[in-house]
Amino acid sequence: MEGNTIGCILLKDVIFLAERDWFLPPADWSRCIVRGKTYAIDSESGNYIFENFIKGMNRLA
């Protein structure tokens, strides 16, 4: 297996929004993401996700 990397990502303390707080993905979202998709919080899509997540979290509190 020379030159091959095997790895995984472990999510800890995951929080799920209530279904009423789910929101549509940003316009540039792809259903074919295999790995490594990120959004900068200062981008339009990143800010959209962040703001909607915060709204949902505030309703959980």
Protein backbone atom coordinates (compact mmCIF):
# COMPACT_ATOMS: atom_id res chain seq x y z
CA MET A 1 0.00 0.00 0.00
CA GLU A 2 2.89 2.31 -0.62
CA GLY A 3 1.72 5.84 -1.38
CA ASN A 4 -1.89 5.20 -0.36
CA THR A 5 -3.50 6.94 2.56
CA ILE A 6 -6.42 5.53 4.49
CA GLY A 7 -8.22 7.79 6.89
CA CYS A 8 -11.52 8.85 8.31
CA ILE A 9 -13.22 11.81 9.89
CA LEU A 10 -14.88 11.36 13.26
CA LEU A 11 -17.63 13.76 14.31
CA LYS A 12 -17.99 14.29 18.05
CA ASP A 13 -20.80 16.03 19.94
CA VAL A 14 -22.92 16.40 16.81
CA ILE A 15 -25.99 18.63 17.04
CA PHE A 16 -29.00 18.09 14.80
CA LEU A 17 -31.50 20.86 14.22
CA ALA A 18 -35.18 20.18 14.76
CA GLU A 19 -36.89 19.33 11.48
CA ARG A 20 -38.81 22.63 11.59
CA ASP A 21 -35.42 24.42 11.41
CA TRP A 22 -34.07 22.56 8.40
CA PHE A 23 -33.26 24.80 5.45
CA LEU A 24 -32.56 24.34 1.77
CA PRO A 25 -28.93 23.95 0.72
CA PRO A 26 -27.24 26.90 -1.00
CA ALA A 27 -27.66 27.22 -4.77
CA ASP A 28 -24.11 25.98 -5.44
CA TRP A 29 -24.55 22.80 -3.36
CA SER A 30 -23.87 19.54 -5.19
CA ARG A 31 -25.42 16.20 -4.25
CA CYS A 32 -22.31 14.48 -5.62
CA ILE A 33 -19.84 15.66 -2.98
CA VAL A 34 -17.49 12.83 -2.11
CA ARG A 35 -15.32 14.61 0.43
CA GLY A 36 -13.74 17.87 1.47
CA LYS A 37 -16.47 20.38 0.59
CA THR A 38 -16.08 23.56 2.60
CA TYR A 39 -17.59 27.03 2.63
CA ALA A 40 -15.86 30.14 3.93
CA ILE A 41 -18.14 31.94 6.38
CA ASP A 42 -17.53 35.22 4.57
CA SER A 43 -18.83 33.80 1.27
CA GLU A 44 -22.48 34.16 0.29
CA SER A 45 -23.16 30.42 0.62
CA GLY A 46 -21.14 30.05 3.81
CA ASN A 47 -22.92 32.95 5.45
CA TYR A 48 -26.30 31.55 4.38
CA ILE A 49 -25.51 28.22 6.07
CA PHE A 50 -24.09 29.87 9.19
CA GLU A 51 -27.01 32.29 9.66
CA ASN A 52 -29.63 29.56 9.22
CA PHE A 53 -27.77 27.24 11.57
CA ILE A 54 -27.59 29.95 14.26
CA LYS A 55 -31.34 30.61 13.90
CA GLY A 56 -32.02 26.91 14.42
CA MET A 57 -29.64 26.70 17.38
CA ASN A 58 -31.31 29.68 19.05
CA ARG A 59 -34.62 27.84 18.85
CA LEU A 60 -33.04 24.78 20.53
CA ALA A 61 -31.83 26.84 23.50
